[in-house]
Each structure stands twice: as C-alpha cells, then as structure tokens.
Amino acid sequence: MARKKRRYELGREPVYTHLAEVRRKIVRVRGGNYKIKLLRGNEVNVYNPKTGKSEKVRIISVVDNPANPHFAQRNMITKGAIVETNLGKVKITSRPGQHGVLNGVLVK
C-alpha cells in the first residue's frame, strides 16, 4: 500500500564538496551519532603506492569527475574525482560529504 515517508525514513540533500578554504559541518544522525560533512576543502591526504608513504598536499584544480562532467567545471569534489596537486594527479578515495576528510591515491 502506498504511503508517505516517515520522519526516520527521510534522507538529506547530498553535500558536494567545493575547492576552497576548509569548512566543515557537524550533523547529528540516527542513533545519536555525528557525521562530519566537508563543505569546502583544499588539501588532500595523498598515499603514494610506490613509496608507501602519505602526505598532505594542496589541491590545484579538479581535472575530472566521473560522477558528473559538470562537477569538474565547477570544482566539485566527490569520491572518484581526479584532482591536480603538486605531486601529480590524485584520485579521491574518501567520501568527503560523508567522512569529512579528503583522502586520495597518487595515479600515474
């Protein structure tokens, strides 16, 4: 039988992280837990598979975003986005709108 959504079934609007000075938002979620949403970010924790080391570097620009081609033009960062850094191109592996942090892996 068709019915409306209950309050506990409602979702939230997705958070699309933009390339700018860091800004986070803390949201209370179901069960009393908290989620940190990254609204804007400009640094990424880059893992280099060859050396096995990680370091924090600044993002220059968003090169490609397979989630939506328009996201790259608007400098929006989601999981899977390719960003340009001083070390080279990096693929984002975290979900910044859900995890509140930008992690990535160096790609060739």
C-alpha atoms as a PDB file:
ATOM      1  CA  MET A   1       0.000   0.000   0.000  1.00  0.00           C
ATOM      2  CA  ALA A   2       1.354   3.453  -0.911  1.00  0.00           C
ATOM      3  CA  ARG A   3       2.182   5.843   1.910  1.00  0.00           C
ATOM      4  CA  LYS A   4       4.335   8.840   2.646  1.00  0.00           C
ATOM      5  CA  LYS A   5       7.807   8.530   4.170  1.00  0.00           C
ATOM      6  CA  ARG A   6       8.080   8.527   7.933  1.00  0.00           C
ATOM      7  CA  ARG A   7      10.389  11.056   9.560  1.00  0.00           C
ATOM      8  CA  TYR A   8      13.017   8.375  10.275  1.00  0.00           C
ATOM      9  CA  GLU A   9      12.989   7.346   6.593  1.00  0.00           C
ATOM     10  CA  LEU A  10      13.797  10.813   5.271  1.00  0.00           C
ATOM     11  CA  GLY A  11      17.239  11.495   3.841  1.00  0.00           C
ATOM     12  CA  ARG A  12      19.218  14.706   3.459  1.00  0.00           C
ATOM     13  CA  GLU A  13      20.436  16.681   0.488  1.00  0.00           C
ATOM     14  CA  PRO A  14      23.850  15.459  -0.722  1.00  0.00           C
ATOM     15  CA  VAL A  15      26.893  17.545   0.190  1.00  0.00           C
ATOM     16  CA  TYR A  16      29.099  18.324  -2.790  1.00  0.00           C
ATOM     17  CA  THR A  17      32.496  19.474  -1.565  1.00  0.00           C
ATOM     18  CA  HIS A  18      33.894  22.537  -3.350  1.00  0.00           C
ATOM     19  CA  LEU A  19      37.520  23.550  -3.816  1.00  0.00           C
ATOM     20  CA  ALA A  20      38.016  26.436  -1.352  1.00  0.00           C
ATOM     21  CA  GLU A  21      39.207  27.167   2.195  1.00  0.00           C
ATOM     22  CA  VAL A  22      38.248  24.365   4.590  1.00  0.00           C
ATOM     23  CA  ARG A  23      34.734  24.457   6.031  1.00  0.00           C
ATOM     24  CA  ARG A  24      33.061  21.563   7.859  1.00  0.00           C
ATOM     25  CA  LYS A  25      29.610  20.951   9.275  1.00  0.00           C
ATOM     26  CA  ILE A  26      28.735  18.557  12.094  1.00  0.00           C
ATOM     27  CA  VAL A  27      25.353  16.852  11.781  1.00  0.00           C
ATOM     28  CA  ARG A  28      23.585  14.621  14.294  1.00  0.00           C
ATOM     29  CA  VAL A  29      22.392  11.426  12.637  1.00  0.00           C
ATOM     30  CA  ARG A  30      20.223   8.497  13.659  1.00  0.00           C
ATOM     31  CA  GLY A  31      21.233   6.811  16.879  1.00  0.00           C
ATOM     32  CA  GLY A  32      22.701   9.980  18.365  1.00  0.00           C
ATOM     33  CA  ASN A  33      25.907   9.665  16.355  1.00  0.00           C
ATOM     34  CA  TYR A  34      27.578  12.512  14.486  1.00  0.00           C
ATOM     35  CA  LYS A  35      28.755  12.868  10.912  1.00  0.00           C
ATOM     36  CA  ILE A  36      31.281  15.456   9.780  1.00  0.00           C
ATOM     37  CA  LYS A  37      30.468  16.860   6.363  1.00  0.00           C
ATOM     38  CA  LEU A  38      33.221  18.622   4.406  1.00  0.00           C
ATOM     39  CA  LEU A  39      31.566  21.564   2.659  1.00  0.00           C
ATOM     40  CA  ARG A  40      34.814  23.015   1.247  1.00  0.00           C
ATOM     41  CA  GLY A  41      38.350  21.672   1.163  1.00  0.00           C
ATOM     42  CA  ASN A  42      41.710  22.497  -0.403  1.00  0.00           C
ATOM     43  CA  GLU A  43      44.086  19.829   0.967  1.00  0.00           C
ATOM     44  CA  VAL A  44      44.180  16.086   0.372  1.00  0.00           C
ATOM     45  CA  ASN A  45      45.979  13.261   2.206  1.00  0.00           C
ATOM     46  CA  VAL A  46      47.848  11.573  -0.660  1.00  0.00           C
ATOM     47  CA  TYR A  47      49.048   7.975  -0.463  1.00  0.00           C
ATOM     48  CA  ASN A  48      51.914   7.054  -2.778  1.00  0.00           C
ATOM     49  CA  PRO A  49      51.736   3.302  -3.543  1.00  0.00           C
ATOM     50  CA  LYS A  50      55.384   3.152  -4.719  1.00  0.00           C
ATOM     51  CA  THR A  51      56.906   4.510  -1.515  1.00  0.00           C
ATOM     52  CA  GLY A  52      54.097   3.500   0.866  1.00  0.00           C
ATOM     53  CA  LYS A  53      54.083   6.988   2.391  1.00  0.00           C
ATOM     54  CA  SER A  54      51.300   9.536   2.842  1.00  0.00           C
ATOM     55  CA  GLU A  55      51.492  13.322   2.895  1.00  0.00           C
ATOM     56  CA  LYS A  56      49.124  16.275   2.909  1.00  0.00           C
ATOM     57  CA  VAL A  57      49.258  18.469  -0.208  1.00  0.00           C
ATOM     58  CA  ARG A  58      47.221  21.359  -1.613  1.00  0.00           C
ATOM     59  CA  ILE A  59      44.781  20.821  -4.471  1.00  0.00           C
ATOM     60  CA  ILE A  60      45.362  22.985  -7.534  1.00  0.00           C
ATOM     61  CA  SER A  61      42.220  22.097  -9.513  1.00  0.00           C
ATOM     62  CA  VAL A  62      39.687  19.376 -10.286  1.00  0.00           C
ATOM     63  CA  VAL A  63      40.655  17.663 -13.557  1.00  0.00           C
ATOM     64  CA  ASP A  64      37.875  15.097 -13.982  1.00  0.00           C
ATOM     65  CA  ASN A  65      34.865  13.808 -12.082  1.00  0.00           C
ATOM     66  CA  PRO A  66      33.182  10.647 -13.428  1.00  0.00           C
ATOM     67  CA  ALA A  67      30.121  11.274 -11.226  1.00  0.00           C
ATOM     68  CA  ASN A  68      29.159  14.254 -13.397  1.00  0.00           C
ATOM     69  CA  PRO A  69      31.163  16.052 -16.110  1.00  0.00           C
ATOM     70  CA  HIS A  70      29.874  19.426 -14.898  1.00  0.00           C
ATOM     71  CA  PHE A  71      31.357  18.859 -11.426  1.00  0.00           C
ATOM     72  CA  ALA A  72      34.898  19.270 -12.807  1.00  0.00           C
ATOM     73  CA  GLN A  73      33.997  22.642 -14.336  1.00  0.00           C
ATOM     74  CA  ARG A  74      32.542  23.792 -11.003  1.00  0.00           C
ATOM     75  CA  ASN A  75      35.485  22.392  -8.932  1.00  0.00           C
ATOM     76  CA  MET A  76      33.269  19.946  -7.022  1.00  0.00           C
ATOM     77  CA  ILE A  77      34.991  17.001  -5.339  1.00  0.00           C
ATOM     78  CA  THR A  78      33.325  13.618  -4.816  1.00  0.00           C
ATOM     79  CA  LYS A  79      34.649  10.081  -4.484  1.00  0.00           C
ATOM     80  CA  GLY A  80      36.420   9.053  -7.692  1.00  0.00           C
ATOM     81  CA  ALA A  81      37.272  12.616  -8.739  1.00  0.00           C
ATOM     82  CA  ILE A  82      40.719  13.240 -10.235  1.00  0.00           C
ATOM     83  CA  VAL A  83      42.443  16.327  -8.802  1.00  0.00           C
ATOM     84  CA  GLU A  84      45.714  18.031  -9.747  1.00  0.00           C
ATOM     85  CA  THR A  85      48.263  18.538  -6.932  1.00  0.00           C
ATOM     86  CA  ASN A  86      51.958  19.418  -6.681  1.00  0.00           C
ATOM     87  CA  LEU A  87      52.773  15.680  -6.635  1.00  0.00           C
ATOM     88  CA  GLY A  88      50.664  14.962  -9.738  1.00  0.00           C
ATOM     89  CA  LYS A  89      47.180  13.632 -10.346  1.00  0.00           C
ATOM     90  CA  VAL A  90      45.351  12.099  -7.396  1.00  0.00           C
ATOM     91  CA  LYS A  91      42.173  10.008  -7.308  1.00  0.00           C
ATOM     92  CA  ILE A  92      39.914  10.744  -4.329  1.00  0.00           C
ATOM     93  CA  THR A  93      39.134   7.569  -2.354  1.00  0.00           C
ATOM     94  CA  SER A  94      37.127   9.007   0.555  1.00  0.00           C
ATOM     95  CA  ARG A  95      33.586  10.370   0.548  1.00  0.00           C
ATOM     96  CA  PRO A  96      34.149  13.960   1.676  1.00  0.00           C
ATOM     97  CA  GLY A  97      30.450  14.727   2.143  1.00  0.00           C
ATOM     98  CA  GLN A  98      30.151  11.713   4.466  1.00  0.00           C
ATOM     99  CA  HIS A  99      33.600  11.329   6.052  1.00  0.00           C
ATOM    100  CA  GLY A 100      34.633  14.969   6.409  1.00  0.00           C
ATOM    101  CA  VAL A 101      38.134  14.365   5.038  1.00  0.00           C
ATOM    102  CA  LEU A 102      39.824  14.196   1.624  1.00  0.00           C
ATOM    103  CA  ASN A 103      41.953  11.081   1.078  1.00  0.00           C
ATOM    104  CA  GLY A 104      43.446  10.101  -2.252  1.00  0.00           C
ATOM    105  CA  VAL A 105      45.848   7.832  -4.109  1.00  0.00           C
ATOM    106  CA  LEU A 106      48.529   9.063  -6.496  1.00  0.00           C
ATOM    107  CA  VAL A 107      47.851   7.967 -10.092  1.00  0.00           C
ATOM    108  CA  LYS A 108      50.271   7.908 -12.989  1.00  0.00           C
END
